[in-house]
């Protein structure tokens, strides 16, 4: 159990703990689709994504895709909390675009079980507060 906790910490908590809180608002607005395209590109570039257009298309595809629409209201709420965290964490990696693409595939694979999404959000908050 400790080993699993350490792996989740290394994947989800460490990079997010480095992200400034001010950036989180921009990432939430980005995921919610409330930013104009120019502002969305700026948020993504500030988060570490050199190819903001491709990244934005990836996120729009997830949000418009079947995995998102098949979620219950509770599941969508959980994913809406999780995705800005994942985008921020991916932006801090050496290969942000590749990392985010893999995270999106992971989310699509586990998304039907929204309890997993809740677990990832919860782990992030617990690790950040410790």
N, C-alpha and C. Protein backbone atom coordinates (compact mmCIF):
# COMPACT_ATOMS: atom_id res chain seq x y z
N UNK A 1 0.83 -1.18 0.00
CA UNK A 1 0.00 0.00 0.00
C UNK A 1 0.88 1.26 0.00
N UNK A 2 1.94 1.22 0.77
CA UNK A 2 2.86 2.36 0.82
C UNK A 2 3.50 2.60 -0.55
N UNK A 3 3.86 1.53 -1.24
CA UNK A 3 4.48 1.65 -2.56
C UNK A 3 3.52 2.31 -3.55
N UNK A 4 2.26 1.90 -3.53
CA UNK A 4 1.26 2.50 -4.41
C UNK A 4 1.10 3.98 -4.09
N UNK A 5 1.05 4.31 -2.81
CA UNK A 5 0.94 5.71 -2.40
C UNK A 5 2.12 6.53 -2.92
N UNK A 6 3.31 5.98 -2.82
CA UNK A 6 4.51 6.67 -3.30
C UNK A 6 4.46 6.89 -4.81
N UNK A 7 3.96 5.90 -5.55
CA UNK A 7 3.86 6.05 -7.00
C UNK A 7 2.85 7.14 -7.36
N UNK A 8 1.70 7.13 -6.71
CA UNK A 8 0.71 8.18 -6.97
C UNK A 8 1.29 9.54 -6.60
N UNK A 9 2.02 9.62 -5.49
CA UNK A 9 2.66 10.87 -5.10
C UNK A 9 3.60 11.37 -6.18
N UNK A 10 4.43 10.48 -6.69
CA UNK A 10 5.42 10.90 -7.68
C UNK A 10 4.78 11.30 -9.00
N UNK A 11 3.67 10.68 -9.36
CA UNK A 11 3.02 11.00 -10.63
C UNK A 11 2.14 12.23 -10.52
N UNK A 12 1.34 12.31 -9.46
CA UNK A 12 0.32 13.35 -9.40
C UNK A 12 0.61 14.49 -8.44
N UNK A 13 1.27 14.24 -7.34
CA UNK A 13 1.39 15.27 -6.32
C UNK A 13 2.61 16.17 -6.52
N UNK A 14 3.73 15.61 -6.81
CA UNK A 14 4.95 16.42 -6.84
C UNK A 14 4.90 17.55 -7.84
N UNK A 15 4.58 17.33 -9.11
CA UNK A 15 4.55 18.44 -10.04
C UNK A 15 3.47 19.45 -9.71
N UNK A 16 2.33 19.01 -9.25
CA UNK A 16 1.26 19.94 -8.94
C UNK A 16 1.61 20.82 -7.77
N UNK A 17 2.37 20.30 -6.83
CA UNK A 17 2.77 21.10 -5.69
C UNK A 17 3.66 22.25 -6.10
N UNK A 18 4.32 22.15 -7.25
CA UNK A 18 5.19 23.21 -7.73
C UNK A 18 4.42 24.28 -8.51
N UNK A 19 3.23 23.96 -8.97
CA UNK A 19 2.47 24.90 -9.79
C UNK A 19 1.91 26.02 -8.94
N UNK A 20 2.05 27.26 -9.37
CA UNK A 20 1.49 28.37 -8.62
C UNK A 20 -0.04 28.34 -8.63
N UNK A 21 -0.64 28.73 -7.53
CA UNK A 21 -2.10 28.71 -7.41
C UNK A 21 -2.77 29.63 -8.43
N UNK A 22 -2.15 30.74 -8.78
CA UNK A 22 -2.74 31.67 -9.75
C UNK A 22 -2.95 31.01 -11.10
N UNK A 23 -2.04 30.12 -11.47
CA UNK A 23 -2.16 29.41 -12.74
C UNK A 23 -3.36 28.48 -12.76
N UNK A 24 -3.74 27.99 -11.59
CA UNK A 24 -4.85 27.05 -11.51
C UNK A 24 -6.15 27.68 -12.02
N UNK A 25 -6.38 28.95 -11.72
CA UNK A 25 -7.60 29.61 -12.20
C UNK A 25 -7.64 29.64 -13.71
N UNK A 26 -6.53 29.95 -14.33
CA UNK A 26 -6.46 29.96 -15.78
C UNK A 26 -6.69 28.59 -16.37
N UNK A 27 -6.15 27.56 -15.73
CA UNK A 27 -6.34 26.20 -16.21
C UNK A 27 -7.78 25.73 -16.03
N UNK A 28 -8.42 26.16 -14.96
CA UNK A 28 -9.83 25.82 -14.76
C UNK A 28 -10.69 26.49 -15.84
N UNK A 29 -10.41 27.76 -16.12
CA UNK A 29 -11.15 28.47 -17.16
C UNK A 29 -10.89 27.85 -18.53
N UNK A 30 -9.65 27.44 -18.75
CA UNK A 30 -9.29 26.78 -20.01
C UNK A 30 -10.11 25.51 -20.18
N UNK A 31 -10.12 24.65 -19.16
CA UNK A 31 -10.85 23.39 -19.25
C UNK A 31 -12.35 23.65 -19.40
N UNK A 32 -12.86 24.66 -18.71
CA UNK A 32 -14.29 24.96 -18.77
C UNK A 32 -14.70 25.52 -20.13
N UNK A 33 -13.72 25.95 -20.92
CA UNK A 33 -14.01 26.49 -22.24
C UNK A 33 -14.50 27.93 -22.21
N UNK A 34 -14.16 28.65 -21.14
CA UNK A 34 -14.63 30.03 -21.02
C UNK A 34 -13.62 31.06 -21.52
N UNK A 35 -12.47 30.60 -21.97
CA UNK A 35 -11.45 31.51 -22.49
C UNK A 35 -11.55 31.63 -24.00
N UNK A 36 -11.28 32.82 -24.50
CA UNK A 36 -11.15 32.97 -25.95
C UNK A 36 -9.89 32.24 -26.37
N UNK A 37 -9.82 31.91 -27.65
CA UNK A 37 -8.71 31.07 -28.13
C UNK A 37 -7.34 31.69 -27.86
N UNK A 38 -7.20 33.00 -28.04
CA UNK A 38 -5.91 33.65 -27.78
C UNK A 38 -5.53 33.52 -26.31
N UNK A 39 -6.48 33.75 -25.43
CA UNK A 39 -6.22 33.63 -23.99
C UNK A 39 -5.91 32.18 -23.63
N UNK A 40 -6.60 31.25 -24.25
CA UNK A 40 -6.35 29.83 -23.98
C UNK A 40 -4.93 29.46 -24.39
N UNK A 41 -4.49 29.96 -25.53
CA UNK A 41 -3.12 29.70 -25.98
C UNK A 41 -2.11 30.27 -24.99
N UNK A 42 -2.38 31.47 -24.49
CA UNK A 42 -1.47 32.09 -23.53
C UNK A 42 -1.38 31.29 -22.24
N UNK A 43 -2.51 30.80 -21.76
CA UNK A 43 -2.53 30.00 -20.54
C UNK A 43 -1.73 28.72 -20.74
N UNK A 44 -1.93 28.07 -21.88
CA UNK A 44 -1.20 26.83 -22.16
C UNK A 44 0.30 27.07 -22.30
N UNK A 45 0.67 28.13 -22.98
CA UNK A 45 2.10 28.44 -23.12
C UNK A 45 2.73 28.75 -21.77
N UNK A 46 2.00 29.50 -20.92
CA UNK A 46 2.51 29.80 -19.58
C UNK A 46 2.63 28.53 -18.74
N UNK A 47 1.78 27.54 -19.03
CA UNK A 47 1.81 26.27 -18.29
C UNK A 47 2.90 25.34 -18.80
N UNK A 48 3.58 25.70 -19.91
CA UNK A 48 4.69 24.89 -20.38
C UNK A 48 4.47 24.17 -21.70
N UNK A 49 3.37 24.45 -22.39
CA UNK A 49 3.06 23.77 -23.65
C UNK A 49 3.49 24.65 -24.82
N UNK A 50 4.50 24.21 -25.56
CA UNK A 50 5.00 24.96 -26.70
C UNK A 50 3.98 24.96 -27.84
N UNK A 51 3.31 23.85 -28.05
CA UNK A 51 2.32 23.73 -29.12
C UNK A 51 0.92 23.86 -28.51
N UNK A 52 0.54 25.08 -28.21
CA UNK A 52 -0.72 25.33 -27.52
C UNK A 52 -1.92 24.92 -28.37
N UNK A 53 -1.83 25.06 -29.68
CA UNK A 53 -2.94 24.70 -30.56
C UNK A 53 -3.27 23.22 -30.49
N UNK A 54 -2.25 22.39 -30.57
CA UNK A 54 -2.45 20.95 -30.49
C UNK A 54 -2.99 20.56 -29.11
N UNK A 55 -2.46 21.17 -28.09
CA UNK A 55 -2.91 20.88 -26.73
C UNK A 55 -4.36 21.27 -26.54
N UNK A 56 -4.72 22.44 -27.04
CA UNK A 56 -6.10 22.90 -26.93
C UNK A 56 -7.05 21.96 -27.67
N UNK A 57 -6.65 21.52 -28.84
CA UNK A 57 -7.47 20.57 -29.60
C UNK A 57 -7.63 19.24 -28.85
N UNK A 58 -6.57 18.79 -28.20
CA UNK A 58 -6.63 17.55 -27.42
C UNK A 58 -7.65 17.69 -26.29
N UNK A 59 -7.60 18.81 -25.59
CA UNK A 59 -8.53 19.03 -24.48
C UNK A 59 -9.97 19.20 -24.97
N UNK A 60 -10.13 19.93 -26.06
CA UNK A 60 -11.48 20.09 -26.63
C UNK A 60 -12.03 18.74 -27.07
N UNK A 61 -11.17 17.91 -27.63
CA UNK A 61 -11.60 16.58 -28.07
C UNK A 61 -12.06 15.72 -26.91
N UNK A 62 -11.35 15.78 -25.80
CA UNK A 62 -11.76 15.02 -24.63
C UNK A 62 -13.11 15.53 -24.12
N UNK A 63 -13.24 16.83 -24.03
CA UNK A 63 -14.45 17.41 -23.47
C UNK A 63 -15.66 17.17 -24.38
N UNK A 64 -15.45 17.14 -25.68
CA UNK A 64 -16.56 16.94 -26.62
C UNK A 64 -16.79 15.47 -26.93
N UNK A 65 -15.89 14.61 -26.48
CA UNK A 65 -15.95 13.20 -26.84
C UNK A 65 -16.94 12.39 -26.03
N UNK A 66 -17.04 11.16 -26.44
CA UNK A 66 -17.99 10.24 -25.82
C UNK A 66 -17.68 9.91 -24.38
N UNK A 67 -16.39 9.88 -24.02
CA UNK A 67 -16.02 9.55 -22.64
C UNK A 67 -16.58 10.59 -21.67
N UNK A 68 -16.50 11.85 -22.05
CA UNK A 68 -16.99 12.92 -21.18
C UNK A 68 -18.52 12.94 -21.14
N UNK A 69 -19.13 12.84 -22.31
CA UNK A 69 -20.60 12.91 -22.36
C UNK A 69 -21.26 11.69 -21.71
N UNK A 70 -20.55 10.57 -21.65
CA UNK A 70 -21.12 9.36 -21.03
C UNK A 70 -21.06 9.40 -19.51
N UNK A 71 -20.31 10.35 -18.96
CA UNK A 71 -20.20 10.44 -17.51
C UNK A 71 -21.49 10.95 -16.90
N UNK A 72 -21.74 10.53 -15.69
CA UNK A 72 -22.85 11.08 -14.92
C UNK A 72 -22.50 12.53 -14.56
N UNK A 73 -23.46 13.26 -14.04
CA UNK A 73 -23.19 14.64 -13.62
C UNK A 73 -22.09 14.67 -12.57
N UNK A 74 -22.11 13.70 -11.66
CA UNK A 74 -21.09 13.60 -10.63
C UNK A 74 -19.72 13.30 -11.25
N UNK A 75 -19.70 12.42 -12.22
CA UNK A 75 -18.46 12.09 -12.91
C UNK A 75 -17.88 13.28 -13.66
N UNK A 76 -18.75 14.05 -14.33
CA UNK A 76 -18.28 15.25 -15.04
C UNK A 76 -17.71 16.26 -14.05
N UNK A 77 -18.36 16.40 -12.91
CA UNK A 77 -17.87 17.33 -11.88
C UNK A 77 -16.48 16.90 -11.41
N UNK A 78 -16.29 15.62 -11.22
CA UNK A 78 -14.98 15.11 -10.79
C UNK A 78 -13.92 15.34 -11.86
N UNK A 79 -14.28 15.08 -13.11
CA UNK A 79 -13.33 15.29 -14.19
C UNK A 79 -13.02 16.77 -14.35
N UNK A 80 -14.01 17.61 -14.14
CA UNK A 80 -13.79 19.06 -14.23
C UNK A 80 -12.83 19.56 -13.16
N UNK A 81 -12.77 18.89 -12.04
CA UNK A 81 -11.79 19.23 -11.00
C UNK A 81 -10.42 18.67 -11.33
N UNK A 82 -10.41 17.48 -11.92
CA UNK A 82 -9.15 16.79 -12.17
C UNK A 82 -8.37 17.34 -13.37
N UNK A 83 -9.04 17.65 -14.45
CA UNK A 83 -8.31 18.00 -15.68
C UNK A 83 -7.41 19.22 -15.54
N UNK A 84 -7.82 20.31 -14.90
CA UNK A 84 -6.86 21.41 -14.74
C UNK A 84 -5.61 20.99 -13.96
N UNK A 85 -5.78 20.10 -13.01
CA UNK A 85 -4.65 19.61 -12.24
C UNK A 85 -3.70 18.80 -13.12
N UNK A 86 -4.27 17.95 -13.97
CA UNK A 86 -3.46 17.14 -14.86
C UNK A 86 -2.75 17.99 -15.91
N UNK A 87 -3.44 18.99 -16.43
CA UNK A 87 -2.81 19.88 -17.42
C UNK A 87 -1.63 20.61 -16.77
N UNK A 88 -1.84 21.12 -15.57
CA UNK A 88 -0.76 21.81 -14.86
C UNK A 88 0.42 20.90 -14.57
N UNK A 89 0.13 19.69 -14.14
CA UNK A 89 1.21 18.74 -13.85
C UNK A 89 1.95 18.34 -15.11
N UNK A 90 1.22 18.10 -16.19
CA UNK A 90 1.86 17.72 -17.46
C UNK A 90 2.75 18.83 -17.98
N UNK A 91 2.34 20.07 -17.78
CA UNK A 91 3.13 21.21 -18.24
C UNK A 91 4.47 21.34 -17.57
N UNK A 92 4.63 20.72 -16.42
CA UNK A 92 5.89 20.79 -15.68
C UNK A 92 6.84 19.65 -16.01
N UNK A 93 6.44 18.76 -16.89
CA UNK A 93 7.28 17.62 -17.25
C UNK A 93 8.19 17.98 -18.42
N UNK A 94 9.21 17.18 -18.68
CA UNK A 94 10.10 17.45 -19.82
C UNK A 94 9.39 17.36 -21.18
N UNK A 95 8.34 16.56 -21.28
CA UNK A 95 7.58 16.39 -22.53
C UNK A 95 6.10 16.64 -22.25
N UNK A 96 5.69 17.90 -22.10
CA UNK A 96 4.32 18.19 -21.70
C UNK A 96 3.26 17.64 -22.65
N UNK A 97 3.46 17.78 -23.93
CA UNK A 97 2.46 17.33 -24.91
C UNK A 97 2.26 15.82 -24.84
N UNK A 98 3.36 15.09 -24.82
CA UNK A 98 3.28 13.64 -24.74
C UNK A 98 2.66 13.19 -23.43
N UNK A 99 3.06 13.83 -22.35
CA UNK A 99 2.52 13.49 -21.03
C UNK A 99 1.02 13.72 -20.99
N UNK A 100 0.57 14.87 -21.48
CA UNK A 100 -0.86 15.16 -21.45
C UNK A 100 -1.64 14.20 -22.35
N UNK A 101 -1.10 13.88 -23.50
CA UNK A 101 -1.79 12.93 -24.39
C UNK A 101 -1.96 11.58 -23.69
N UNK A 102 -0.95 11.15 -22.97
CA UNK A 102 -1.05 9.88 -22.24
C UNK A 102 -2.03 9.98 -21.08
N UNK A 103 -2.04 11.12 -20.41
CA UNK A 103 -3.00 11.32 -19.32
C UNK A 103 -4.43 11.34 -19.83
N UNK A 104 -4.64 11.95 -20.99
CA UNK A 104 -5.99 11.97 -21.58
C UNK A 104 -6.42 10.54 -21.91
N UNK A 105 -5.53 9.76 -22.48
CA UNK A 105 -5.86 8.36 -22.78
C UNK A 105 -6.16 7.60 -21.49
N UNK A 106 -5.42 7.86 -20.46
CA UNK A 106 -5.65 7.24 -19.15
C UNK A 106 -7.02 7.63 -18.60
N UNK A 107 -7.34 8.90 -18.66
CA UNK A 107 -8.63 9.39 -18.17
C UNK A 107 -9.77 8.77 -18.97
N UNK A 108 -9.60 8.67 -20.28
CA UNK A 108 -10.64 8.04 -21.09
C UNK A 108 -10.83 6.57 -20.71
N UNK A 109 -9.74 5.91 -20.34
CA UNK A 109 -9.82 4.50 -19.98
C UNK A 109 -10.48 4.28 -18.62
N UNK A 110 -10.23 5.16 -17.67
CA UNK A 110 -10.79 4.97 -16.32
C UNK A 110 -12.03 5.81 -16.07
N UNK A 111 -12.36 6.70 -16.97
CA UNK A 111 -13.42 7.68 -16.74
C UNK A 111 -14.78 7.11 -16.42
N UNK A 112 -15.08 5.94 -16.92
CA UNK A 112 -16.40 5.36 -16.65
C UNK A 112 -16.60 5.07 -15.17
N UNK A 113 -15.52 4.90 -14.48
CA UNK A 113 -15.58 4.69 -13.03
C UNK A 113 -15.14 5.99 -12.36
N UNK A 114 -16.08 6.89 -12.19
CA UNK A 114 -15.73 8.22 -11.71
C UNK A 114 -15.14 8.22 -10.31
N UNK A 115 -15.28 7.12 -9.59
CA UNK A 115 -14.65 7.05 -8.27
C UNK A 115 -13.13 7.14 -8.42
N UNK A 116 -12.58 6.65 -9.52
CA UNK A 116 -11.14 6.78 -9.76
C UNK A 116 -10.76 8.24 -9.95
N UNK A 117 -11.60 8.99 -10.63
CA UNK A 117 -11.34 10.41 -10.81
C UNK A 117 -11.34 11.12 -9.47
N UNK A 118 -12.31 10.79 -8.62
CA UNK A 118 -12.37 11.38 -7.29
C UNK A 118 -11.13 11.02 -6.48
N UNK A 119 -10.67 9.80 -6.61
CA UNK A 119 -9.48 9.36 -5.90
C UNK A 119 -8.27 10.18 -6.32
N UNK A 120 -8.11 10.42 -7.60
CA UNK A 120 -6.97 11.19 -8.08
C UNK A 120 -7.01 12.63 -7.57
N UNK A 121 -8.20 13.23 -7.55
CA UNK A 121 -8.34 14.59 -7.02
C UNK A 121 -8.01 14.59 -5.54
N UNK A 122 -8.53 13.62 -4.80
CA UNK A 122 -8.30 13.53 -3.36
C UNK A 122 -6.82 13.34 -3.04
N UNK A 123 -6.16 12.49 -3.79
CA UNK A 123 -4.72 12.26 -3.57
C UNK A 123 -3.96 13.55 -3.78
N UNK A 124 -4.32 14.28 -4.80
CA UNK A 124 -3.64 15.54 -5.09
C UNK A 124 -3.78 16.50 -3.91
N UNK A 125 -4.98 16.63 -3.36
CA UNK A 125 -5.20 17.59 -2.27
C UNK A 125 -4.51 17.13 -0.99
N UNK A 126 -4.55 15.86 -0.69
CA UNK A 126 -3.88 15.38 0.52
C UNK A 126 -2.38 15.55 0.44
N UNK A 127 -1.80 15.25 -0.73
CA UNK A 127 -0.36 15.35 -0.90
C UNK A 127 0.08 16.81 -0.87
N UNK A 128 -0.71 17.67 -1.41
CA UNK A 128 -0.35 19.08 -1.45
C UNK A 128 -0.39 19.71 -0.07
N UNK A 129 -1.33 19.26 0.76
CA UNK A 129 -1.46 19.86 2.09
C UNK A 129 -0.47 19.28 3.09
N UNK A 130 0.22 18.18 2.73
CA UNK A 130 1.18 17.61 3.69
C UNK A 130 2.54 18.21 3.55
